[in-house]
Structure formats: structure tokens, C-alpha cells
């Protein structure tokens, strides 16, 4: 069993030690020992709270909202359509992913609003897409394709084109 004790060094100064081998304590160990139990409890509580917040965020991030994914694809599509000329295969891949996300989004809209027809869901989606596209085009008109916001969307385009759902 380890214990705290004191020994004298070569200059006859008392050195706190830990354990049966009488090793001098490090500065970190001395600080830990000098911290009161209530201070350690407060620190442990802070760590626990941060850990719980992190776990909650990870859990929430695991639930992907298809409406948000659709919004990201729509914004990306608007920026890419105005600012870049992607290769044929990249464009085809992006559009295939966008179409799949669109179908899943329509299903989700109908699931959340049980009394809505497919045509009404399509109209809602079309209106939302038009607003998002208009917002991106407005940023492009004001700031140009070199805007950091637009460049972020263009980077996202390349990622979404490579995405394999």
C-alpha cells in the first residue's frame, strides 16, 4: 500500500515522498495532494457535465434530419450551378444523390403532415427550394463566387458528389 511520508535530501531538507520506494513527489502530485476534496469534487462535476453534454451532442448528431440534408443539397446546387463547371461524372453523381435526398424528403414531409398529398408536399418542397436558391444567388450577386460562404458550398458540392449513401 502506498503512503505519504517525508525524507531528508542531501542538503538536509525535507522532501515529501510517495510510496515505499521513497521517490520525491512531482509538482503535479503535490498540487493534487494540496487540492481539497471539495475542489476535486467540483472539478469532477465539471468534467462529468462536459462529458454528458458531449454524449448528448453525439447522440443528437446520430439522428440526421433529412430536411436539413435536403436544404444543404439545395444550397450547394444553387452555388455550384452559378460558380463552377463540374465534370460530367461528378455532376451525375451529385444529381443522383440530390434526387435520392429529394425523394426521402418528400416522404418525410408526408410522414410529418399526415393529411398532406404528394402534390402538396412537392409544392412545399419547390417553394422552399426556390427561397434557398434565391438566397444563394443573392449572396453571389453581392459578394461573388469567391465569397467564403459560396466557396464553402462549392467544397460541399464535391463532398456530396462523392457521397455513397
Protein backbone atom coordinates (compact mmCIF):
# COMPACT_ATOMS: atom_id res chain seq x y z
CA UNK A 1 0.00 0.00 0.00
CA UNK A 2 1.35 3.42 -0.95
CA UNK A 3 1.61 6.17 1.62
CA UNK A 4 2.86 9.72 2.01
CA UNK A 5 5.99 10.30 4.04
CA UNK A 6 8.87 12.74 4.29
CA UNK A 7 12.58 12.12 3.80
CA UNK A 8 15.59 14.40 4.00
CA UNK A 9 17.58 15.09 0.86
CA UNK A 10 21.38 15.52 0.69
CA UNK A 11 21.05 19.13 1.89
CA UNK A 12 19.08 18.01 4.92
CA UNK A 13 15.82 19.47 3.52
CA UNK A 14 12.58 17.59 4.00
CA UNK A 15 11.16 16.22 0.73
CA UNK A 16 7.63 14.81 0.56
CA UNK A 17 7.62 11.34 -0.99
CA UNK A 18 5.06 8.80 -2.09
CA UNK A 19 5.24 5.05 -1.80
CA UNK A 20 7.54 2.53 -0.28
CA UNK A 21 10.45 3.43 -2.61
CA UNK A 22 10.62 6.97 -1.16
CA UNK A 23 10.53 8.71 -4.54
CA UNK A 24 10.22 12.51 -4.43
CA UNK A 25 6.78 13.75 -5.47
CA UNK A 26 6.40 15.70 -8.68
CA UNK A 27 4.98 19.21 -8.72
CA UNK A 28 1.72 17.87 -10.22
CA UNK A 29 1.39 15.31 -7.45
CA UNK A 30 2.00 17.95 -4.81
CA UNK A 31 -0.66 20.18 -6.37
CA UNK A 32 -3.12 17.26 -6.44
CA UNK A 33 -2.48 16.47 -2.80
CA UNK A 34 -2.89 20.09 -1.77
CA UNK A 35 -6.27 20.42 -3.51
CA UNK A 36 -9.12 19.82 -1.10
CA UNK A 37 -11.62 17.06 -1.60
CA UNK A 38 -14.39 19.58 -2.33
CA UNK A 39 -12.23 21.22 -5.03
CA UNK A 40 -11.65 17.82 -6.64
CA UNK A 41 -15.41 17.12 -6.50
CA UNK A 42 -16.18 20.43 -8.25
CA UNK A 43 -13.62 19.59 -10.94
CA UNK A 44 -15.04 16.10 -11.35
CA UNK A 45 -18.56 17.52 -11.64
CA UNK A 46 -17.40 19.90 -14.37
CA UNK A 47 -15.80 17.05 -16.28
CA UNK A 48 -18.94 14.95 -15.87
CA UNK A 49 -21.18 17.75 -17.12
CA UNK A 50 -18.94 18.32 -20.15
CA UNK A 51 -18.93 14.59 -20.85
CA UNK A 52 -22.72 14.40 -20.65
CA UNK A 53 -23.07 17.41 -22.94
CA UNK A 54 -20.67 15.81 -25.42
CA UNK A 55 -22.52 12.48 -25.35
CA UNK A 56 -25.84 14.28 -25.87
CA UNK A 57 -24.41 16.11 -28.86
CA UNK A 58 -23.04 12.90 -30.35
CA UNK A 59 -26.40 11.19 -29.85
CA UNK A 60 -28.28 14.11 -31.43
CA UNK A 61 -25.80 14.18 -34.31
CA UNK A 62 -26.59 10.49 -34.93
CA UNK A 63 -30.15 11.48 -35.85
CA UNK A 64 -29.86 13.05 -39.28
CA UNK A 65 -32.75 15.26 -40.27
CA UNK A 66 -33.42 14.63 -43.95
CA UNK A 67 -34.94 18.10 -44.30
CA UNK A 68 -31.60 19.63 -43.27
CA UNK A 69 -29.75 17.35 -45.68
CA UNK A 70 -32.11 18.45 -48.46
CA UNK A 71 -31.52 22.10 -47.57
CA UNK A 72 -27.75 21.59 -47.77
CA UNK A 73 -28.05 19.91 -51.17
CA UNK A 74 -30.28 22.73 -52.44
CA UNK A 75 -27.90 25.45 -51.29
CA UNK A 76 -24.95 23.57 -52.75
CA UNK A 77 -26.75 23.03 -56.04
CA UNK A 78 -27.51 26.75 -56.34
CA UNK A 79 -23.90 27.76 -55.68
CA UNK A 80 -22.39 25.14 -57.95
CA UNK A 81 -24.82 25.99 -60.74
CA UNK A 82 -23.63 29.60 -60.78
CA UNK A 83 -19.96 29.28 -59.89
CA UNK A 84 -18.39 26.06 -61.21
CA UNK A 85 -18.45 23.73 -64.17
CA UNK A 86 -18.11 20.23 -62.69
CA UNK A 87 -17.16 17.21 -64.74
CA UNK A 88 -19.91 15.06 -66.18
CA UNK A 89 -19.39 12.14 -63.79
CA UNK A 90 -19.20 14.40 -60.73
CA UNK A 91 -22.36 16.24 -61.76
CA UNK A 92 -24.18 12.98 -62.46
CA UNK A 93 -23.19 11.59 -59.07
CA UNK A 94 -24.26 14.78 -57.28
CA UNK A 95 -27.63 14.88 -59.06
CA UNK A 96 -28.29 11.19 -58.30
CA UNK A 97 -27.63 11.84 -54.59
CA UNK A 98 -29.73 15.01 -54.69
CA UNK A 99 -32.62 13.11 -56.29
CA UNK A 100 -32.47 10.38 -53.63
CA UNK A 101 -32.44 13.00 -50.85
CA UNK A 102 -35.40 14.76 -52.52
CA UNK A 103 -37.47 11.56 -52.57
CA UNK A 104 -36.68 10.86 -48.91
CA UNK A 105 -37.53 14.46 -48.03
CA UNK A 106 -40.91 14.21 -49.74
CA UNK A 107 -41.63 11.04 -47.77
CA UNK A 108 -40.62 12.76 -44.53
CA UNK A 109 -42.86 15.77 -45.24
CA UNK A 110 -45.81 13.46 -45.81
CA UNK A 111 -44.96 11.46 -42.69
CA UNK A 112 -44.82 14.61 -40.52
CA UNK A 113 -48.01 16.04 -42.06
CA UNK A 114 -50.29 13.03 -42.48
CA UNK A 115 -53.11 14.97 -44.18
CA UNK A 116 -50.94 16.31 -46.98
CA UNK A 117 -50.99 14.92 -50.51
CA UNK A 118 -47.89 14.14 -52.51
CA UNK A 119 -48.59 17.09 -54.79
CA UNK A 120 -48.86 19.46 -51.81
CA UNK A 121 -45.60 18.07 -50.41
CA UNK A 122 -43.91 18.68 -53.77
CA UNK A 123 -45.22 22.26 -53.85
CA UNK A 124 -43.88 22.89 -50.32
CA UNK A 125 -40.53 21.48 -51.30
CA UNK A 126 -40.44 23.51 -54.51
CA UNK A 127 -41.25 26.74 -52.63
CA UNK A 128 -38.58 26.05 -50.02
CA UNK A 129 -36.03 25.23 -52.72
CA UNK A 130 -36.82 28.46 -54.57
CA UNK A 131 -36.26 30.54 -51.42
CA UNK A 132 -32.97 28.79 -50.64
CA UNK A 133 -31.75 29.15 -54.21
CA UNK A 134 -32.72 32.81 -54.25
CA UNK A 135 -30.77 33.39 -51.03
CA UNK A 136 -27.61 31.82 -52.50
CA UNK A 137 -27.97 33.77 -55.75
CA UNK A 138 -28.35 36.95 -53.70
CA UNK A 139 -25.07 36.26 -51.88
CA UNK A 140 -23.37 35.56 -55.20
CA UNK A 141 -24.70 38.83 -56.64
CA UNK A 142 -23.42 40.81 -53.64
CA UNK A 143 -20.17 39.02 -52.79
CA UNK A 144 -19.34 36.97 -55.88
CA UNK A 145 -18.31 33.35 -56.25
CA UNK A 146 -15.13 34.00 -54.26
CA UNK A 147 -17.16 34.66 -51.10
CA UNK A 148 -16.12 32.31 -48.26
CA UNK A 149 -19.78 31.27 -47.90
CA UNK A 150 -20.00 30.28 -51.56
CA UNK A 151 -16.60 28.59 -51.52
CA UNK A 152 -17.81 26.50 -48.58
CA UNK A 153 -20.84 25.44 -50.59
CA UNK A 154 -18.65 24.56 -53.57
CA UNK A 155 -16.45 22.38 -51.34
CA UNK A 156 -19.62 20.76 -50.06
CA UNK A 157 -20.67 20.06 -53.67
CA UNK A 158 -17.56 17.94 -54.21
CA UNK A 159 -18.17 16.05 -50.97
CA UNK A 160 -21.84 15.46 -51.76
CA UNK A 161 -20.95 14.24 -55.25
CA UNK A 162 -18.61 11.60 -53.74
CA UNK A 163 -21.14 10.59 -51.07
CA UNK A 164 -22.23 6.96 -51.26
CA UNK A 165 -25.45 6.61 -49.24
